[in-house]
Amino acid sequence: MAECRQALGPDALILSTRRTATGVEVTAALEPAEEEPPSPPPFPPSVPAVPDPLARHNLPPALRPSIGAGGAASLAAVFRFAALPDAARPLALVGPPGAGKTLTVAKLATRMVMRGARPMVMTADLQRAGAAEQIAAFTRVLGVPLATAGTGAQLAAALAGRRPGQPLLLDTAGCDPFNPAQAEQLLALLRVTDAAPLLVLPAGLDSEEAMETARAFAALGARHLLPTRLDGARRLGGVLAAAFAGPLALTEAGTGPGAADGLTPLTPAWLAERLQGPARIAAQEAVWAA
């Protein structure tokens, strides 16, 4: 047994012994060495998650894949960008209540005056308290004529005083396009004046709501969209959803309260910059919070 342990080491286990003709036979063994557990596969290097710059804009699912990362080229391929309708035809600003139609009329009239034109401004918004006084304050400063018309006869009389080729800006009352009576009243106004309807819609609307509203006004003849409040809005999903659903051409954007500088032409590059901007702001806020 001593020889066995000498040969196999102190951990040798004696399993059996027996005598033979030549001596003693000893059977011994060693316990197998414990195998080291296999090393787990190395973890792949951590890849920081890249935030989707458009996720915060609440785009409708049908639109999101079409514009990719929101670059200028993708936007130009999906949306139509166009100038405002020709000033030779009366321009009627239409939209839901509180969209910013009256202020937009003042901005457009100011631009025309600064370019040497003398437009005629007409308001059919005679129901909202202070609406006529609001637009009258702008026209007095600009020195342009203001006509008020609440009936077909008043409209005809106002239009009779328009000079040939004189630009006409028509401020309409806020309209619920899903209300048949209001929709028909707006249609009658557009027929009498032969005005091109320009949809004015505030930024920040729910995307589904904006899509439905845009489709309803498109059915009333709108082909162009002028979104307002883009100076304060951080989510533009409603604006893009409205333009996509109409479909409506993106023209200019209300970007401030100033009458002389509160409109900005909408281009793919400008819109791409605005879409990326909020993501950068959110990233910076996260850095500050850390």
Protein backbone atom coordinates (compact mmCIF):
# COMPACT_ATOMS: atom_id res chain seq x y z
CA MET A 1 0.00 0.00 0.00
CA ALA A 2 2.92 2.29 0.73
CA GLU A 3 4.38 1.53 -2.68
CA CYS A 4 0.96 2.22 -4.25
CA ARG A 5 0.68 5.64 -2.66
CA GLN A 6 4.28 6.34 -3.57
CA ALA A 7 3.48 5.59 -7.20
CA LEU A 8 0.12 7.31 -7.36
CA GLY A 9 0.40 9.94 -4.71
CA PRO A 10 -1.17 10.46 -1.30
CA ASP A 11 -4.68 10.80 -2.78
CA ALA A 12 -4.70 7.27 -4.19
CA LEU A 13 -7.68 5.21 -3.09
CA ILE A 14 -7.13 1.49 -2.31
CA LEU A 15 -10.01 -0.32 -3.97
CA SER A 16 -9.09 -3.96 -3.25
CA THR A 17 -6.29 -6.35 -2.29
CA ARG A 18 -5.82 -10.06 -2.95
CA ARG A 19 -3.11 -12.63 -2.54
CA THR A 20 -1.59 -14.24 -5.58
CA ALA A 21 1.03 -16.93 -6.17
CA THR A 22 3.68 -14.27 -6.41
CA GLY A 23 2.56 -11.86 -3.72
CA VAL A 24 -0.25 -9.35 -3.09
CA GLU A 25 -2.16 -7.56 -5.81
CA VAL A 26 -3.41 -4.09 -4.88
CA THR A 27 -5.95 -2.22 -7.00
CA ALA A 28 -5.91 1.56 -6.49
CA ALA A 29 -7.27 4.56 -8.31
CA LEU A 30 -7.27 8.33 -8.32
CA GLU A 31 -10.43 10.43 -8.33
CA PRO A 32 -10.69 12.39 -11.57
CA ALA A 33 -9.72 15.99 -11.23
CA GLU A 34 -12.64 18.38 -11.13
CA GLU A 35 -13.04 20.05 -14.46
CA GLU A 36 -13.10 23.81 -14.48
CA PRO A 37 -16.50 25.10 -15.57
CA PRO A 38 -16.39 26.44 -19.10
CA SER A 39 -15.82 30.14 -19.29
CA PRO A 40 -18.90 32.05 -20.41
CA PRO A 41 -18.63 33.55 -23.84
CA PRO A 42 -17.39 37.10 -23.76
CA PHE A 43 -20.09 39.74 -23.77
CA PRO A 44 -20.20 41.75 -26.96
CA PRO A 45 -19.00 45.27 -26.49
CA SER A 46 -21.81 47.50 -25.33
CA VAL A 47 -23.18 49.67 -28.08
CA PRO A 48 -24.83 52.85 -26.90
CA ALA A 49 -28.42 53.13 -27.98
CA VAL A 50 -28.86 55.71 -30.69
CA PRO A 51 -32.04 57.67 -29.99
CA ASP A 52 -34.53 58.06 -32.81
CA PRO A 53 -34.56 61.80 -33.47
CA LEU A 54 -38.15 61.65 -34.75
CA ALA A 55 -39.65 59.53 -31.96
CA ARG A 56 -40.70 62.53 -29.91
CA HIS A 57 -42.69 64.08 -32.76
CA ASN A 58 -45.51 61.51 -32.51
CA LEU A 59 -45.68 60.82 -36.22
CA PRO A 60 -48.49 58.58 -37.50
CA PRO A 61 -47.30 54.99 -38.16
CA ALA A 62 -48.20 55.25 -41.85
CA LEU A 63 -45.83 58.18 -42.32
CA ARG A 64 -42.87 57.25 -40.11
CA PRO A 65 -41.13 54.72 -42.42
CA SER A 66 -41.39 57.04 -45.42
CA ILE A 67 -39.21 59.83 -44.09
CA GLY A 68 -36.38 57.81 -42.56
CA ALA A 69 -34.28 59.95 -40.25
CA GLY A 70 -36.05 63.12 -41.36
CA GLY A 71 -33.36 64.42 -43.70
CA ALA A 72 -34.06 67.11 -46.26
CA ALA A 73 -33.93 64.68 -49.21
CA SER A 74 -36.47 62.31 -47.61
CA LEU A 75 -38.82 65.17 -46.76
CA ALA A 76 -38.62 66.53 -50.31
CA ALA A 77 -39.52 63.08 -51.66
CA VAL A 78 -42.56 62.64 -49.40
CA PHE A 79 -44.02 66.15 -49.13
CA ARG A 80 -44.83 68.89 -51.59
CA PHE A 81 -43.34 72.32 -50.93
CA ALA A 82 -44.79 75.27 -52.80
CA ALA A 83 -45.17 79.02 -52.69
CA LEU A 84 -48.45 80.58 -51.62
CA PRO A 85 -51.19 80.65 -54.27
CA ASP A 86 -50.91 83.40 -56.86
CA ALA A 87 -51.92 86.77 -55.42
CA ALA A 88 -53.94 87.52 -58.56
CA ARG A 89 -56.67 85.29 -57.11
CA PRO A 90 -58.27 86.17 -53.75
CA LEU A 91 -56.71 84.23 -50.90
CA ALA A 92 -59.03 82.98 -48.13
CA LEU A 93 -57.44 81.89 -44.89
CA VAL A 94 -59.49 79.02 -43.48
CA GLY A 95 -59.11 76.77 -40.48
CA PRO A 96 -60.46 75.86 -37.06
CA PRO A 97 -61.05 78.53 -34.41
CA GLY A 98 -57.90 79.90 -32.80
CA ALA A 99 -55.54 78.71 -35.54
CA GLY A 100 -54.03 82.17 -36.11
CA LYS A 101 -55.82 83.20 -39.33
CA THR A 102 -56.26 86.88 -38.43
CA LEU A 103 -52.63 87.37 -37.43
CA THR A 104 -51.52 85.55 -40.59
CA VAL A 105 -53.65 87.91 -42.70
CA ALA A 106 -51.90 90.83 -41.01
CA LYS A 107 -48.49 89.31 -41.73
CA LEU A 108 -49.30 88.72 -45.39
CA ALA A 109 -50.74 92.22 -45.78
CA THR A 110 -47.63 93.72 -44.16
CA ARG A 111 -45.39 91.84 -46.56
CA MET A 112 -47.37 93.04 -49.57
CA VAL A 113 -47.24 96.66 -48.40
CA MET A 114 -43.48 96.42 -47.79
CA ARG A 115 -43.12 95.16 -51.38
CA GLY A 116 -45.08 98.08 -52.78
CA ALA A 117 -48.51 96.48 -53.19
CA ARG A 118 -51.70 97.75 -51.59
CA PRO A 119 -53.91 94.76 -50.84
CA MET A 120 -57.55 94.78 -49.93
CA VAL A 121 -58.34 93.03 -46.67
CA MET A 122 -61.76 91.58 -46.01
CA THR A 123 -63.03 89.90 -42.88
CA ALA A 124 -66.01 87.60 -42.68
CA ASP A 125 -65.30 86.82 -39.03
CA LEU A 126 -68.09 88.89 -37.52
CA GLN A 127 -69.15 86.46 -34.80
CA ARG A 128 -65.99 86.26 -32.70
CA ALA A 129 -65.79 89.11 -30.20
CA GLY A 130 -63.16 91.65 -31.19
CA ALA A 131 -62.21 89.91 -34.43
CA ALA A 132 -63.02 92.87 -36.70
CA GLU A 133 -61.30 95.31 -34.32
CA GLN A 134 -58.18 93.15 -34.27
CA ILE A 135 -57.72 93.15 -38.04
CA ALA A 136 -58.80 96.82 -38.27
CA ALA A 137 -55.92 97.80 -35.99
CA PHE A 138 -53.45 96.29 -38.48
CA THR A 139 -55.05 97.74 -41.59
CA ARG A 140 -55.10 101.24 -40.11
CA VAL A 141 -51.37 101.08 -39.47
CA LEU A 142 -50.75 99.72 -42.98
CA GLY A 143 -53.10 102.18 -44.63
CA VAL A 144 -54.97 99.51 -46.58
CA PRO A 145 -58.75 99.21 -47.00
CA LEU A 146 -60.72 96.84 -44.80
CA ALA A 147 -64.11 95.48 -45.77
CA THR A 148 -66.44 93.54 -43.49
CA ALA A 149 -68.93 91.13 -44.97
CA GLY A 150 -71.29 88.83 -43.19
CA THR A 151 -73.79 88.21 -45.97
CA GLY A 152 -73.67 87.50 -49.69
CA ALA A 153 -74.85 91.02 -50.49
CA GLN A 154 -72.12 92.55 -48.32
CA LEU A 155 -69.56 90.35 -50.02
CA ALA A 156 -70.71 91.42 -53.47
CA ALA A 157 -70.61 95.09 -52.49
CA ALA A 158 -67.11 94.75 -51.02
CA LEU A 159 -65.81 92.92 -54.07
CA ALA A 160 -67.19 95.65 -56.33
CA GLY A 161 -64.73 98.08 -54.76
CA ARG A 162 -61.71 95.95 -55.57
CA ARG A 163 -59.43 97.32 -58.26
CA PRO A 164 -58.41 95.01 -61.14
CA GLY A 165 -55.42 92.91 -60.09
CA GLN A 166 -55.53 94.17 -56.49
CA PRO A 167 -54.56 91.39 -54.04
CA LEU A 168 -57.40 90.36 -51.75
CA LEU A 169 -56.87 88.67 -48.39
CA LEU A 170 -59.99 87.18 -46.83
CA ASP A 171 -60.07 86.40 -43.11
CA THR A 172 -62.77 83.80 -42.48
CA ALA A 173 -64.45 82.76 -39.25
CA GLY A 174 -63.21 79.66 -37.49
CA CYS A 175 -64.87 76.65 -39.09
CA ASP A 176 -65.59 73.16 -37.84
CA PRO A 177 -65.32 71.27 -41.14
CA PHE A 178 -67.24 68.32 -39.67
CA ASN A 179 -70.26 70.54 -39.03
CA PRO A 180 -72.33 70.47 -42.26
CA ALA A 181 -73.81 73.94 -41.70
CA GLN A 182 -70.43 75.56 -41.08
CA ALA A 183 -68.82 73.73 -43.99
CA GLU A 184 -71.57 74.83 -46.37
CA GLN A 185 -71.28 78.43 -45.15
CA LEU A 186 -67.55 78.40 -45.88
CA LEU A 187 -68.10 76.86 -49.30
CA ALA A 188 -70.63 79.58 -50.17
CA LEU A 189 -68.11 82.24 -49.17
CA LEU A 190 -65.43 80.68 -51.36
CA ARG A 191 -67.78 80.44 -54.33
CA VAL A 192 -68.84 84.08 -54.15
CA THR A 193 -65.29 85.39 -53.83
CA ASP A 194 -63.63 82.76 -56.07
CA ALA A 195 -60.95 82.63 -53.39
CA ALA A 196 -58.26 79.98 -53.06
CA PRO A 197 -58.54 78.46 -49.56
CA LEU A 198 -55.30 78.33 -47.55
CA LEU A 199 -55.53 76.07 -44.51
CA VAL A 200 -54.06 77.62 -41.37
CA LEU A 201 -53.42 74.99 -38.71
CA PRO A 202 -51.54 75.36 -35.40
CA ALA A 203 -48.58 73.13 -34.62
CA GLY A 204 -48.82 70.81 -31.64
CA LEU A 205 -52.08 69.09 -32.61
CA ASP A 206 -52.53 65.35 -32.13
CA SER A 207 -51.45 63.64 -35.34
CA GLU A 208 -54.73 61.80 -35.91
CA GLU A 209 -56.73 64.95 -35.23
CA ALA A 210 -54.56 66.92 -37.65
CA MET A 211 -54.94 64.28 -40.37
CA GLU A 212 -58.73 64.24 -40.11
CA THR A 213 -58.94 68.03 -40.08
CA ALA A 214 -56.65 68.35 -43.10
CA ARG A 215 -58.70 65.84 -45.08
CA ALA A 216 -61.91 67.69 -44.23
CA PHE A 217 -60.56 71.07 -45.38
CA ALA A 218 -59.04 69.47 -48.47
CA ALA A 219 -62.55 68.28 -49.34
CA LEU A 220 -63.61 71.94 -49.13
CA GLY A 221 -60.94 72.92 -51.65
CA ALA A 222 -57.78 73.60 -49.62
CA ARG A 223 -54.56 72.64 -51.41
CA HIS A 224 -51.98 74.52 -49.34
CA LEU A 225 -51.07 74.45 -45.65
CA LEU A 226 -49.62 77.25 -43.52
CA PRO A 227 -48.84 75.93 -40.01
CA THR A 228 -48.59 78.43 -37.18
CA ARG A 229 -46.85 78.53 -33.77
CA LEU A 230 -43.76 76.76 -35.02
CA ASP A 231 -41.65 79.13 -32.92
CA GLY A 232 -42.90 77.43 -29.74
CA ALA A 233 -43.85 73.92 -30.83
CA ARG A 234 -41.40 71.10 -30.06
CA ARG A 235 -43.44 68.34 -31.69
CA LEU A 236 -44.25 68.65 -35.38
CA GLY A 237 -46.02 65.36 -35.94
CA GLY A 238 -49.36 67.12 -36.36
CA VAL A 239 -47.99 69.45 -39.06
CA LEU A 240 -46.46 66.61 -41.09
CA ALA A 241 -49.52 64.42 -40.61
CA ALA A 242 -51.80 67.17 -41.95
CA ALA A 243 -49.61 67.79 -44.99
CA PHE A 244 -49.36 64.06 -45.68
CA ALA A 245 -53.07 63.31 -45.28
CA GLY A 246 -54.47 66.27 -47.24
CA PRO A 247 -52.34 66.02 -49.21
CA LEU A 248 -51.45 69.69 -48.84
CA ALA A 249 -48.44 71.64 -50.05
CA LEU A 250 -46.33 73.13 -47.27
CA THR A 251 -45.95 76.85 -47.95
CA GLU A 252 -44.79 79.02 -45.06
CA ALA A 253 -44.82 78.78 -41.30
CA GLY A 254 -45.86 81.18 -38.58
CA THR A 255 -42.71 81.60 -36.51
CA GLY A 256 -43.42 84.59 -34.32
CA PRO A 257 -45.90 87.32 -33.38
CA GLY A 258 -44.25 90.03 -35.45
CA ALA A 259 -46.26 91.25 -38.44
CA ALA A 260 -43.14 92.11 -40.45
CA ASP A 261 -41.02 89.02 -39.76
CA GLY A 262 -43.35 86.36 -38.39
CA LEU A 263 -43.49 84.15 -41.49
CA THR A 264 -40.76 81.76 -42.65
CA PRO A 265 -40.78 79.92 -46.00
CA LEU A 266 -40.97 76.19 -45.45
CA THR A 267 -38.20 74.27 -47.22
CA PRO A 268 -37.03 70.67 -46.77
CA ALA A 269 -33.77 71.85 -45.21
CA TRP A 270 -35.47 74.20 -42.75
CA LEU A 271 -38.01 71.57 -41.75
CA ALA A 272 -35.30 68.91 -41.31
CA GLU A 273 -33.43 71.26 -38.98
CA ARG A 274 -36.57 71.82 -36.91
CA LEU A 275 -37.24 68.09 -36.70
CA GLN A 276 -33.73 67.39 -35.43
CA GLY A 277 -33.66 70.36 -33.07
CA PRO A 278 -35.88 69.02 -30.27
CA ALA A 279 -33.84 65.80 -30.08
CA ARG A 280 -30.69 67.81 -29.52
CA ILE A 281 -32.44 69.87 -26.89
CA ALA A 282 -33.61 66.73 -25.08
CA ALA A 283 -30.05 65.30 -25.18
CA GLN A 284 -28.68 68.51 -23.71
CA GLU A 285 -31.29 68.47 -20.98
CA ALA A 286 -30.24 64.92 -20.09
CA VAL A 287 -26.62 66.07 -19.81
CA TRP A 288 -27.65 68.92 -17.53
CA ALA A 289 -29.72 66.55 -15.36
CA ALA A 290 -26.73 64.21 -15.02
